[in-house]
Full PDB file with SEQRES, HELIX, SHEET, SSBOND, CRYST1, ORIGX, SCALE, CONECT and MASTER records, all heavy atoms in Angstrom:
SEQRES   1 A   29  PHE LEU TYR TYR VAL PRO TYR VAL THR LEU ALA VAL MET          
SEQRES   2 A   29  THR PHE PRO ALA ILE VAL GLU ALA THR GLU SER PRO LEU          
SEQRES   3 A   29  ALA GLY LEU                                                  
HELIX    1 AA1 VAL A    5  GLU A   20  1                                  16    
HELIX    2 AA2 PRO A   25  GLY A   28  1                                   4    
CRYST1    1.000    1.000    1.000  90.00  90.00  90.00 P 1           1          
ORIGX1      1.000000  0.000000  0.000000        0.00000                         
ORIGX2      0.000000  1.000000  0.000000        0.00000                         
ORIGX3      0.000000  0.000000  1.000000        0.00000                         
SCALE1      1.000000  0.000000  0.000000        0.00000                         
SCALE2      0.000000  1.000000  0.000000        0.00000                         
SCALE3      0.000000  0.000000  1.000000        0.00000                         
ATOM      1  N   PHE A   1       0.823  -1.183   0.000  1.00  0.00           N  
ATOM      2  CA  PHE A   1      -0.060  -0.016  -0.020  1.00  0.00           C  
ATOM      3  C   PHE A   1       0.859   1.265  -0.067  1.00  0.00           C  
ATOM      4  O   PHE A   1       0.626   2.167  -0.762  1.00  0.00           O  
ATOM      5  CB  PHE A   1      -0.968  -0.007   1.241  1.00  0.00           C  
ATOM      6  CG  PHE A   1      -1.668   1.295   1.419  1.00  0.00           C  
ATOM      7  CD1 PHE A   1      -2.760   1.567   0.644  1.00  0.00           C  
ATOM      8  CD2 PHE A   1      -1.275   2.131   2.371  1.00  0.00           C  
ATOM      9  CE1 PHE A   1      -3.439   2.808   0.799  1.00  0.00           C  
ATOM     10  CE2 PHE A   1      -1.941   3.318   2.597  1.00  0.00           C  
ATOM     11  CZ  PHE A   1      -3.017   3.649   1.769  1.00  0.00           C  
ATOM     12  N   LEU A   2       1.841   1.354   0.883  1.00  0.00           N  
ATOM     13  CA  LEU A   2       2.707   2.521   0.995  1.00  0.00           C  
ATOM     14  C   LEU A   2       3.567   2.625  -0.283  1.00  0.00           C  
ATOM     15  O   LEU A   2       3.936   3.791  -0.595  1.00  0.00           O  
ATOM     16  CB  LEU A   2       3.568   2.408   2.204  1.00  0.00           C  
ATOM     17  CG  LEU A   2       2.867   2.511   3.489  1.00  0.00           C  
ATOM     18  CD1 LEU A   2       3.818   2.247   4.744  1.00  0.00           C  
ATOM     19  CD2 LEU A   2       2.204   3.834   3.758  1.00  0.00           C  
ATOM     20  N   TYR A   3       3.905   1.604  -0.893  1.00  0.00           N  
ATOM     21  CA  TYR A   3       4.702   1.720  -2.203  1.00  0.00           C  
ATOM     22  C   TYR A   3       3.909   2.526  -3.260  1.00  0.00           C  
ATOM     23  O   TYR A   3       4.471   3.234  -4.006  1.00  0.00           O  
ATOM     24  CB  TYR A   3       5.089   0.328  -2.713  1.00  0.00           C  
ATOM     25  CG  TYR A   3       5.849   0.349  -3.936  1.00  0.00           C  
ATOM     26  CD1 TYR A   3       7.200   0.644  -3.968  1.00  0.00           C  
ATOM     27  CD2 TYR A   3       5.189   0.040  -5.133  1.00  0.00           C  
ATOM     28  CE1 TYR A   3       7.947   0.626  -5.164  1.00  0.00           C  
ATOM     29  CE2 TYR A   3       5.936   0.053  -6.415  1.00  0.00           C  
ATOM     30  CZ  TYR A   3       7.240   0.353  -6.387  1.00  0.00           C  
ATOM     31  OH  TYR A   3       7.983   0.393  -7.506  1.00  0.00           O  
ATOM     32  N   TYR A   4       2.607   2.211  -3.402  1.00  0.00           N  
ATOM     33  CA  TYR A   4       1.819   2.780  -4.466  1.00  0.00           C  
ATOM     34  C   TYR A   4       1.221   4.171  -4.155  1.00  0.00           C  
ATOM     35  O   TYR A   4       0.598   4.758  -5.016  1.00  0.00           O  
ATOM     36  CB  TYR A   4       0.666   1.818  -4.875  1.00  0.00           C  
ATOM     37  CG  TYR A   4       1.270   0.616  -5.659  1.00  0.00           C  
ATOM     38  CD1 TYR A   4       1.330  -0.619  -5.021  1.00  0.00           C  
ATOM     39  CD2 TYR A   4       1.796   0.777  -6.904  1.00  0.00           C  
ATOM     40  CE1 TYR A   4       1.880  -1.685  -5.711  1.00  0.00           C  
ATOM     41  CE2 TYR A   4       2.338  -0.275  -7.640  1.00  0.00           C  
ATOM     42  CZ  TYR A   4       2.378  -1.485  -7.011  1.00  0.00           C  
ATOM     43  OH  TYR A   4       2.871  -2.626  -7.699  1.00  0.00           O  
ATOM     44  N   VAL A   5       1.243   4.618  -2.906  1.00  0.00           N  
ATOM     45  CA  VAL A   5       0.589   5.913  -2.517  1.00  0.00           C  
ATOM     46  C   VAL A   5       1.170   7.075  -3.406  1.00  0.00           C  
ATOM     47  O   VAL A   5       0.324   7.867  -3.814  1.00  0.00           O  
ATOM     48  CB  VAL A   5       0.815   6.169  -1.022  1.00  0.00           C  
ATOM     49  CG1 VAL A   5       0.500   7.608  -0.666  1.00  0.00           C  
ATOM     50  CG2 VAL A   5      -0.110   5.199  -0.170  1.00  0.00           C  
ATOM     51  N   PRO A   6       2.443   7.237  -3.611  1.00  0.00           N  
ATOM     52  CA  PRO A   6       2.851   8.375  -4.368  1.00  0.00           C  
ATOM     53  C   PRO A   6       2.393   8.366  -5.839  1.00  0.00           C  
ATOM     54  O   PRO A   6       1.906   9.447  -6.409  1.00  0.00           O  
ATOM     55  CB  PRO A   6       4.441   8.317  -4.477  1.00  0.00           C  
ATOM     56  CG  PRO A   6       4.723   7.488  -3.254  1.00  0.00           C  
ATOM     57  CD  PRO A   6       3.610   6.531  -3.086  1.00  0.00           C  
ATOM     58  N   TYR A   7       2.210   7.193  -6.444  1.00  0.00           N  
ATOM     59  CA  TYR A   7       1.725   7.088  -7.791  1.00  0.00           C  
ATOM     60  C   TYR A   7       0.286   7.443  -7.900  1.00  0.00           C  
ATOM     61  O   TYR A   7      -0.207   8.115  -8.823  1.00  0.00           O  
ATOM     62  CB  TYR A   7       1.997   5.717  -8.401  1.00  0.00           C  
ATOM     63  CG  TYR A   7       3.453   5.341  -8.292  1.00  0.00           C  
ATOM     64  CD1 TYR A   7       3.895   4.356  -7.488  1.00  0.00           C  
ATOM     65  CD2 TYR A   7       4.369   6.021  -9.181  1.00  0.00           C  
ATOM     66  CE1 TYR A   7       5.296   4.032  -7.468  1.00  0.00           C  
ATOM     67  CE2 TYR A   7       5.694   5.693  -9.101  1.00  0.00           C  
ATOM     68  CZ  TYR A   7       6.148   4.680  -8.321  1.00  0.00           C  
ATOM     69  OH  TYR A   7       7.475   4.372  -8.220  1.00  0.00           O  
ATOM     70  N   VAL A   8      -0.485   6.949  -6.978  1.00  0.00           N  
ATOM     71  CA  VAL A   8      -1.956   7.231  -6.882  1.00  0.00           C  
ATOM     72  C   VAL A   8      -2.192   8.681  -6.669  1.00  0.00           C  
ATOM     73  O   VAL A   8      -3.094   9.310  -7.332  1.00  0.00           O  
ATOM     74  CB  VAL A   8      -2.613   6.281  -5.831  1.00  0.00           C  
ATOM     75  CG1 VAL A   8      -4.018   6.701  -5.649  1.00  0.00           C  
ATOM     76  CG2 VAL A   8      -2.525   4.864  -6.193  1.00  0.00           C  
ATOM     77  N   THR A   9      -1.410   9.241  -5.742  1.00  0.00           N  
ATOM     78  CA  THR A   9      -1.606  10.644  -5.399  1.00  0.00           C  
ATOM     79  C   THR A   9      -1.308  11.519  -6.665  1.00  0.00           C  
ATOM     80  O   THR A   9      -2.040  12.482  -6.970  1.00  0.00           O  
ATOM     81  CB  THR A   9      -0.728  11.104  -4.255  1.00  0.00           C  
ATOM     82  OG1 THR A   9      -0.995  10.193  -3.209  1.00  0.00           O  
ATOM     83  CG2 THR A   9      -0.891  12.548  -3.915  1.00  0.00           C  
ATOM     84  N   LEU A  10      -0.248  11.217  -7.301  1.00  0.00           N  
ATOM     85  CA  LEU A  10       0.112  11.977  -8.541  1.00  0.00           C  
ATOM     86  C   LEU A  10      -0.989  11.759  -9.685  1.00  0.00           C  
ATOM     87  O   LEU A  10      -1.368  12.721 -10.323  1.00  0.00           O  
ATOM     88  CB  LEU A  10       1.421  11.402  -9.139  1.00  0.00           C  
ATOM     89  CG  LEU A  10       1.949  12.138 -10.348  1.00  0.00           C  
ATOM     90  CD1 LEU A  10       2.209  13.681 -10.071  1.00  0.00           C  
ATOM     91  CD2 LEU A  10       3.232  11.430 -10.804  1.00  0.00           C  
ATOM     92  N   ALA A  11      -1.502  10.579  -9.765  1.00  0.00           N  
ATOM     93  CA  ALA A  11      -2.597  10.359 -10.805  1.00  0.00           C  
ATOM     94  C   ALA A  11      -3.850  11.101 -10.437  1.00  0.00           C  
ATOM     95  O   ALA A  11      -4.486  11.724 -11.360  1.00  0.00           O  
ATOM     96  CB  ALA A  11      -2.845   8.840 -10.914  1.00  0.00           C  
ATOM     97  N   VAL A  12      -4.203  11.132  -9.167  1.00  0.00           N  
ATOM     98  CA  VAL A  12      -5.403  11.728  -8.723  1.00  0.00           C  
ATOM     99  C   VAL A  12      -5.340  13.282  -8.950  1.00  0.00           C  
ATOM    100  O   VAL A  12      -6.291  13.964  -9.273  1.00  0.00           O  
ATOM    101  CB  VAL A  12      -5.675  11.534  -7.259  1.00  0.00           C  
ATOM    102  CG1 VAL A  12      -6.735  12.424  -6.665  1.00  0.00           C  
ATOM    103  CG2 VAL A  12      -6.185  10.049  -7.089  1.00  0.00           C  
ATOM    104  N   MET A  13      -4.053  13.860  -8.806  1.00  0.00           N  
ATOM    105  CA  MET A  13      -3.943  15.335  -9.084  1.00  0.00           C  
ATOM    106  C   MET A  13      -3.770  15.562 -10.589  1.00  0.00           C  
ATOM    107  O   MET A  13      -4.218  16.659 -10.945  1.00  0.00           O  
ATOM    108  CB  MET A  13      -2.715  15.777  -8.293  1.00  0.00           C  
ATOM    109  CG  MET A  13      -2.864  15.777  -6.834  1.00  0.00           C  
ATOM    110  SD  MET A  13      -1.562  16.579  -5.938  1.00  0.00           S  
ATOM    111  CE  MET A  13      -0.059  15.690  -6.627  1.00  0.00           C  
ATOM    112  N   THR A  14      -3.236  14.719 -11.396  1.00  0.00           N  
ATOM    113  CA  THR A  14      -2.906  14.994 -12.659  1.00  0.00           C  
ATOM    114  C   THR A  14      -4.091  14.792 -13.631  1.00  0.00           C  
ATOM    115  O   THR A  14      -4.321  15.649 -14.568  1.00  0.00           O  
ATOM    116  CB  THR A  14      -1.662  14.152 -13.238  1.00  0.00           C  
ATOM    117  OG1 THR A  14      -0.600  14.387 -12.267  1.00  0.00           O  
ATOM    118  CG2 THR A  14      -1.226  14.535 -14.551  1.00  0.00           C  
ATOM    119  N   PHE A  15      -4.733  13.623 -13.644  1.00  0.00           N  
ATOM    120  CA  PHE A  15      -5.764  13.306 -14.576  1.00  0.00           C  
ATOM    121  C   PHE A  15      -6.918  14.333 -14.663  1.00  0.00           C  
ATOM    122  O   PHE A  15      -7.210  14.727 -15.818  1.00  0.00           O  
ATOM    123  CB  PHE A  15      -6.249  11.849 -14.355  1.00  0.00           C  
ATOM    124  CG  PHE A  15      -5.210  10.843 -14.661  1.00  0.00           C  
ATOM    125  CD1 PHE A  15      -5.239   9.740 -14.035  1.00  0.00           C  
ATOM    126  CD2 PHE A  15      -4.238  11.009 -15.636  1.00  0.00           C  
ATOM    127  CE1 PHE A  15      -4.325   8.703 -14.181  1.00  0.00           C  
ATOM    128  CE2 PHE A  15      -3.275  10.142 -15.872  1.00  0.00           C  
ATOM    129  CZ  PHE A  15      -3.338   8.888 -15.119  1.00  0.00           C  
ATOM    130  N   PRO A  16      -7.475  14.830 -13.558  1.00  0.00           N  
ATOM    131  CA  PRO A  16      -8.473  15.801 -13.685  1.00  0.00           C  
ATOM    132  C   PRO A  16      -7.929  17.129 -14.303  1.00  0.00           C  
ATOM    133  O   PRO A  16      -8.715  17.771 -15.067  1.00  0.00           O  
ATOM    134  CB  PRO A  16      -8.989  16.067 -12.295  1.00  0.00           C  
ATOM    135  CG  PRO A  16      -8.579  14.776 -11.538  1.00  0.00           C  
ATOM    136  CD  PRO A  16      -7.351  14.315 -12.154  1.00  0.00           C  
ATOM    137  N   ALA A  17      -6.723  17.466 -13.991  1.00  0.00           N  
ATOM    138  CA  ALA A  17      -6.125  18.696 -14.559  1.00  0.00           C  
ATOM    139  C   ALA A  17      -5.965  18.631 -16.039  1.00  0.00           C  
ATOM    140  O   ALA A  17      -6.148  19.626 -16.750  1.00  0.00           O  
ATOM    141  CB  ALA A  17      -4.782  19.039 -13.817  1.00  0.00           C  
ATOM    142  N   ILE A  18      -5.643  17.400 -16.545  1.00  0.00           N  
ATOM    143  CA  ILE A  18      -5.422  17.170 -17.952  1.00  0.00           C  
ATOM    144  C   ILE A  18      -6.853  17.476 -18.641  1.00  0.00           C  
ATOM    145  O   ILE A  18      -6.879  18.059 -19.754  1.00  0.00           O  
ATOM    146  CB  ILE A  18      -4.964  15.825 -18.295  1.00  0.00           C  
ATOM    147  CG1 ILE A  18      -3.467  15.767 -17.837  1.00  0.00           C  
ATOM    148  CG2 ILE A  18      -5.020  15.507 -19.805  1.00  0.00           C  
ATOM    149  CD1 ILE A  18      -2.924  14.266 -17.846  1.00  0.00           C  
ATOM    150  N   VAL A  19      -7.907  16.840 -18.145  1.00  0.00           N  
ATOM    151  CA  VAL A  19      -9.180  16.940 -18.836  1.00  0.00           C  
ATOM    152  C   VAL A  19      -9.775  18.361 -18.639  1.00  0.00           C  
ATOM    153  O   VAL A  19     -10.337  18.872 -19.654  1.00  0.00           O  
ATOM    154  CB  VAL A  19     -10.159  15.927 -18.137  1.00  0.00           C  
ATOM    155  CG1 VAL A  19     -11.559  16.104 -18.628  1.00  0.00           C  
ATOM    156  CG2 VAL A  19      -9.554  14.456 -18.386  1.00  0.00           C  
ATOM    157  N   GLU A  20      -9.494  19.025 -17.541  1.00  0.00           N  
ATOM    158  CA  GLU A  20     -10.046  20.406 -17.336  1.00  0.00           C  
ATOM    159  C   GLU A  20      -9.224  21.593 -17.880  1.00  0.00           C  
ATOM    160  O   GLU A  20      -9.654  22.625 -17.866  1.00  0.00           O  
ATOM    161  CB  GLU A  20     -10.322  20.594 -15.785  1.00  0.00           C  
ATOM    162  CG  GLU A  20     -11.387  19.640 -15.257  1.00  0.00           C  
ATOM    163  CD  GLU A  20     -11.578  19.726 -13.808  1.00  0.00           C  
ATOM    164  OE1 GLU A  20     -10.803  20.570 -13.231  1.00  0.00           O  
ATOM    165  OE2 GLU A  20     -12.356  18.980 -13.296  1.00  0.00           O  
ATOM    166  N   ALA A  21      -8.090  21.259 -18.395  1.00  0.00           N  
ATOM    167  CA  ALA A  21      -7.185  22.299 -18.844  1.00  0.00           C  
ATOM    168  C   ALA A  21      -7.458  22.771 -20.299  1.00  0.00           C  
ATOM    169  O   ALA A  21      -6.901  23.734 -20.696  1.00  0.00           O  
ATOM    170  CB  ALA A  21      -5.701  21.826 -18.817  1.00  0.00           C  
ATOM    171  N   THR A  22      -8.409  22.157 -20.935  1.00  0.00           N  
ATOM    172  CA  THR A  22      -8.678  22.484 -22.270  1.00  0.00           C  
ATOM    173  C   THR A  22     -10.099  23.182 -22.375  1.00  0.00           C  
ATOM    174  O   THR A  22     -10.834  23.194 -21.371  1.00  0.00           O  
ATOM    175  CB  THR A  22      -8.770  21.234 -23.183  1.00  0.00           C  
ATOM    176  OG1 THR A  22      -9.712  20.320 -22.688  1.00  0.00           O  
ATOM    177  CG2 THR A  22      -7.329  20.542 -23.219  1.00  0.00           C  
ATOM    178  N   GLU A  23     -10.465  23.743 -23.527  1.00  0.00           N  
ATOM    179  CA  GLU A  23     -11.710  24.355 -23.743  1.00  0.00           C  
ATOM    180  C   GLU A  23     -12.853  23.315 -23.621  1.00  0.00           C  
ATOM    181  O   GLU A  23     -13.862  23.622 -23.054  1.00  0.00           O  
ATOM    182  CB  GLU A  23     -11.749  25.040 -25.117  1.00  0.00           C  
ATOM    183  CG  GLU A  23     -10.809  26.223 -25.202  1.00  0.00           C  
ATOM    184  CD  GLU A  23     -11.440  27.411 -24.453  1.00  0.00           C  
ATOM    185  OE1 GLU A  23     -12.619  27.554 -24.396  1.00  0.00           O  
ATOM    186  OE2 GLU A  23     -10.632  28.177 -23.916  1.00  0.00           O  
ATOM    187  N   SER A  24     -12.587  22.120 -24.193  1.00  0.00           N  
ATOM    188  CA  SER A  24     -13.560  21.053 -24.151  1.00  0.00           C  
ATOM    189  C   SER A  24     -13.015  19.887 -23.401  1.00  0.00           C  
ATOM    190  O   SER A  24     -11.863  19.407 -23.594  1.00  0.00           O  
ATOM    191  CB  SER A  24     -13.908  20.618 -25.527  1.00  0.00           C  
ATOM    192  OG  SER A  24     -14.585  19.463 -25.551  1.00  0.00           O  
ATOM    193  N   PRO A  25     -13.750  19.460 -22.302  1.00  0.00           N  
ATOM    194  CA  PRO A  25     -13.194  18.229 -21.613  1.00  0.00           C  
ATOM    195  C   PRO A  25     -13.028  17.044 -22.552  1.00  0.00           C  
ATOM    196  O   PRO A  25     -12.146  16.224 -22.289  1.00  0.00           O  
ATOM    197  CB  PRO A  25     -14.334  17.950 -20.605  1.00  0.00           C  
ATOM    198  CG  PRO A  25     -15.018  19.246 -20.460  1.00  0.00           C  
ATOM    199  CD  PRO A  25     -14.935  19.941 -21.834  1.00  0.00           C  
ATOM    200  N   LEU A  26     -13.812  16.872 -23.572  1.00  0.00           N  
ATOM    201  CA  LEU A  26     -13.630  15.810 -24.583  1.00  0.00           C  
ATOM    202  C   LEU A  26     -12.183  15.953 -25.263  1.00  0.00           C  
ATOM    203  O   LEU A  26     -11.572  14.867 -25.399  1.00  0.00           O  
ATOM    204  CB  LEU A  26     -14.745  15.885 -25.666  1.00  0.00           C  
ATOM    205  CG  LEU A  26     -14.677  14.704 -26.654  1.00  0.00           C  
ATOM    206  CD1 LEU A  26     -14.749  13.394 -25.928  1.00  0.00           C  
ATOM    207  CD2 LEU A  26     -15.738  14.887 -27.721  1.00  0.00           C  
ATOM    208  N   ALA A  27     -11.738  17.126 -25.582  1.00  0.00           N  
ATOM    209  CA  ALA A  27     -10.376  17.311 -26.135  1.00  0.00           C  
ATOM    210  C   ALA A  27      -9.313  16.831 -25.129  1.00  0.00           C  
ATOM    211  O   ALA A  27      -8.387  16.116 -25.536  1.00  0.00           O  
ATOM    212  CB  ALA A  27     -10.206  18.766 -26.519  1.00  0.00           C  
ATOM    213  N   GLY A  28      -9.541  17.188 -23.873  1.00  0.00           N  
ATOM    214  CA  GLY A  28      -8.512  16.678 -22.853  1.00  0.00           C  
ATOM    215  C   GLY A  28      -8.539  15.262 -22.663  1.00  0.00           C  
ATOM    216  O   GLY A  28      -7.522  14.563 -22.516  1.00  0.00           O  
ATOM    217  N   LEU A  29      -9.726  14.627 -22.776  1.00  0.00           N  
ATOM    218  CA  LEU A  29      -9.894  13.220 -22.578  1.00  0.00           C  
ATOM    219  C   LEU A  29      -9.254  12.506 -23.741  1.00  0.00           C  
ATOM    220  O   LEU A  29      -8.601  11.423 -23.619  1.00  0.00           O  
ATOM    221  CB  LEU A  29     -11.317  12.813 -22.421  1.00  0.00           C  
ATOM    222  CG  LEU A  29     -11.667  11.348 -22.195  1.00  0.00           C  
ATOM    223  CD1 LEU A  29     -11.066  10.888 -20.886  1.00  0.00           C  
ATOM    224  CD2 LEU A  29     -13.144  11.101 -22.175  1.00  0.00           C  
TER     225      LEU A  29                                                      
MASTER        0    0    0    2    0    0    0    6  224    1    0    3          
END                                                                             
């Protein structure tokens, strides 16, 4: 569990930002 915590935290912060950083969420997806 402790080994994967940094990767999960990074993914949880990064993926929504990728989708929401564009004009259209579909473009980000």
